[in-house]
N, C-alpha and C. Protein backbone atom coordinates (compact mmCIF):
# COMPACT_ATOMS: atom_id res chain seq x y z
N MET A 1 96.58 60.18 86.70
CA MET A 1 96.87 61.33 87.32
C MET A 1 98.38 61.76 87.33
N GLU A 2 99.14 60.81 87.38
CA GLU A 2 100.72 61.06 87.37
C GLU A 2 101.10 61.62 86.00
N GLU A 3 100.46 61.20 84.94
CA GLU A 3 100.74 61.71 83.69
C GLU A 3 100.36 63.20 83.56
N PHE A 4 99.18 63.47 84.12
CA PHE A 4 98.71 64.93 84.08
C PHE A 4 99.79 65.88 84.96
N ILE A 5 100.03 65.29 86.05
CA ILE A 5 101.06 66.11 86.87
C ILE A 5 102.38 66.33 86.04
N THR A 6 102.82 65.25 85.48
CA THR A 6 104.11 65.36 84.70
C THR A 6 103.95 66.34 83.48
N ASP A 7 102.77 66.23 82.79
CA ASP A 7 102.50 67.20 81.76
C ASP A 7 102.48 68.72 82.27
N VAL A 8 101.89 68.98 83.35
CA VAL A 8 101.81 70.23 83.90
C VAL A 8 103.21 70.73 84.31
N PHE A 9 103.95 69.88 84.86
CA PHE A 9 105.31 70.22 85.34
C PHE A 9 106.24 70.59 84.13
N MET A 10 106.05 69.71 82.91
CA MET A 10 106.88 69.95 81.79
C MET A 10 106.45 71.24 81.10
N TRP A 11 105.24 71.58 81.14
CA TRP A 11 104.61 72.84 80.56
C TRP A 11 105.23 74.00 81.34
N CYS A 12 105.32 73.95 82.72
CA CYS A 12 105.89 75.04 83.47
C CYS A 12 107.34 75.14 83.18
N VAL A 13 108.18 74.05 83.06
CA VAL A 13 109.59 74.06 82.76
C VAL A 13 109.69 74.81 81.37
N TYR A 14 108.80 74.42 80.34
CA TYR A 14 108.92 75.11 79.15
C TYR A 14 108.68 76.50 79.19
N ILE A 15 107.76 77.04 80.01
CA ILE A 15 107.45 78.40 80.17
C ILE A 15 108.61 79.06 80.80
N LEU A 16 109.32 78.49 81.73
CA LEU A 16 110.55 79.05 82.31
C LEU A 16 111.67 79.12 81.30
N GLN A 17 111.77 78.10 80.41
CA GLN A 17 112.77 78.08 79.40
C GLN A 17 112.46 79.33 78.43
N VAL A 18 111.20 79.50 78.20
CA VAL A 18 110.90 80.64 77.20
C VAL A 18 111.14 81.94 77.73
N ILE A 19 110.90 82.00 79.13
CA ILE A 19 111.25 83.33 79.84
C ILE A 19 112.70 83.51 79.91
N GLY A 20 113.42 82.47 80.06
CA GLY A 20 114.81 82.36 80.06
C GLY A 20 115.53 82.78 78.83
N GLY A 21 114.87 82.63 77.68
CA GLY A 21 115.32 83.08 76.38
C GLY A 21 115.83 81.88 75.59
N ALA A 22 115.82 80.61 75.97
CA ALA A 22 116.31 79.58 75.15
C ALA A 22 115.47 78.34 75.37
N PRO A 23 114.27 78.21 74.70
CA PRO A 23 113.36 77.10 74.76
C PRO A 23 114.08 75.78 74.45
N GLY A 24 113.86 74.82 75.27
CA GLY A 24 114.43 73.55 75.11
C GLY A 24 115.80 73.35 75.70
N GLU A 25 116.38 74.35 76.26
CA GLU A 25 117.62 74.27 76.97
C GLU A 25 117.65 74.81 78.40
N TYR A 26 118.51 74.27 79.25
CA TYR A 26 118.70 74.74 80.60
C TYR A 26 119.96 75.57 80.54
N GLY A 27 119.93 76.79 80.27
CA GLY A 27 121.02 77.76 80.23
C GLY A 27 120.83 78.71 81.43
N TYR A 28 121.64 79.68 81.30
CA TYR A 28 121.73 80.75 82.34
C TYR A 28 120.36 81.41 82.39
N GLY A 29 119.79 81.70 81.21
CA GLY A 29 118.44 82.37 81.16
C GLY A 29 117.40 81.62 81.89
N TYR A 30 117.37 80.32 81.95
CA TYR A 30 116.51 79.45 82.67
C TYR A 30 116.77 79.61 84.23
N TYR A 31 118.04 79.57 84.54
CA TYR A 31 118.36 79.69 85.93
C TYR A 31 118.06 81.12 86.42
N LEU A 32 118.31 82.09 85.65
CA LEU A 32 117.97 83.48 86.05
C LEU A 32 116.40 83.61 86.18
N ALA A 33 115.62 82.97 85.26
CA ALA A 33 114.19 83.11 85.43
C ALA A 33 113.72 82.42 86.69
N ASN A 34 114.26 81.34 87.12
CA ASN A 34 114.00 80.61 88.31
C ASN A 34 114.34 81.44 89.52
N VAL A 35 115.43 82.14 89.53
CA VAL A 35 115.93 83.00 90.59
C VAL A 35 114.95 84.19 90.75
N VAL A 36 114.64 84.84 89.65
CA VAL A 36 113.80 86.03 89.64
C VAL A 36 112.39 85.62 90.08
N ILE A 37 111.84 84.56 89.73
CA ILE A 37 110.43 84.21 90.08
C ILE A 37 110.42 83.73 91.52
N PHE A 38 111.33 82.73 91.82
CA PHE A 38 111.08 82.00 93.11
C PHE A 38 111.93 82.67 94.24
N VAL A 39 112.93 83.39 94.01
CA VAL A 39 113.74 84.02 95.08
C VAL A 39 113.35 85.44 95.28
N LEU A 40 113.14 86.21 94.20
CA LEU A 40 112.81 87.60 94.39
C LEU A 40 111.25 87.91 94.21
N LEU A 41 110.57 87.47 93.18
CA LEU A 41 109.21 87.96 92.99
C LEU A 41 108.21 87.22 94.01
N GLU A 42 108.30 85.96 94.21
CA GLU A 42 107.38 85.32 95.13
C GLU A 42 107.47 85.76 96.54
N PRO A 43 108.71 85.95 97.15
CA PRO A 43 108.70 86.48 98.53
C PRO A 43 108.22 87.93 98.63
N ALA A 44 108.54 88.69 97.58
CA ALA A 44 108.12 90.14 97.45
C ALA A 44 106.69 90.20 97.51
N LEU A 45 106.03 89.40 96.71
CA LEU A 45 104.44 89.35 96.72
C LEU A 45 103.91 88.92 98.04
N ILE A 46 104.61 87.89 98.66
CA ILE A 46 103.99 87.35 99.92
C ILE A 46 104.13 88.48 100.87
N THR A 47 105.34 89.14 100.98
CA THR A 47 105.48 90.29 101.81
C THR A 47 104.62 91.37 101.66
N LEU A 48 104.21 91.79 100.39
CA LEU A 48 103.33 92.88 100.00
C LEU A 48 102.00 92.41 100.43
N PHE A 49 101.45 91.19 100.23
CA PHE A 49 100.09 90.78 100.58
C PHE A 49 99.94 90.69 102.04
N LEU A 50 101.01 90.22 102.77
CA LEU A 50 100.91 90.15 104.18
C LEU A 50 100.81 91.61 104.83
N THR A 51 101.62 92.59 104.22
CA THR A 51 101.49 93.89 104.76
C THR A 51 100.21 94.62 104.57
N LEU A 52 99.65 94.30 103.28
CA LEU A 52 98.27 94.79 102.97
C LEU A 52 97.21 94.28 103.94
N TRP A 53 97.30 92.94 104.09
CA TRP A 53 96.34 92.33 105.01
C TRP A 53 96.42 92.84 106.43
N LEU A 54 97.66 92.97 107.01
CA LEU A 54 97.81 93.43 108.37
C LEU A 54 97.28 94.86 108.34
N ARG A 55 97.52 95.69 107.39
CA ARG A 55 97.07 97.00 107.42
C ARG A 55 95.59 97.02 107.49
N GLU A 56 94.89 96.20 106.61
CA GLU A 56 93.37 96.20 106.58
C GLU A 56 92.88 95.72 107.97
N LYS A 57 93.58 94.75 108.46
CA LYS A 57 93.15 94.11 109.88
C LYS A 57 93.19 95.22 110.83
N ARG A 58 94.18 96.01 110.84
CA ARG A 58 94.40 97.09 111.80
C ARG A 58 93.40 98.10 111.67
N LYS A 59 92.88 98.47 110.46
CA LYS A 59 91.95 99.49 110.09
C LYS A 59 90.61 99.06 110.71
N LYS A 60 90.24 97.81 110.63
CA LYS A 60 88.94 97.22 111.01
C LYS A 60 88.84 96.90 112.47
N ARG A 61 89.99 97.09 113.15
CA ARG A 61 89.92 96.85 114.58
C ARG A 61 89.01 97.80 115.36
N VAL A 62 88.10 97.37 116.19
CA VAL A 62 87.11 98.24 116.83
C VAL A 62 87.75 98.78 118.11
N PRO A 63 87.90 100.11 118.26
CA PRO A 63 88.32 100.70 119.57
C PRO A 63 87.48 100.44 120.73
N LYS A 64 88.04 100.14 121.92
CA LYS A 64 87.20 99.80 123.13
C LYS A 64 86.83 101.05 123.82
């Protein structure tokens, strides 16, 4: 199981390196890809889905 987790992690790192523009290296592109995905994109998606969920929840509320 540990080998599987390590393989998945290394695959994810490689994908980030490809997105960053320098496969096999940890350059500014890699760091930029991390910042864009985990600091900007992920919180934005969480906020979007929370807003949509609260909006739907409010719509389905039955008036008394």
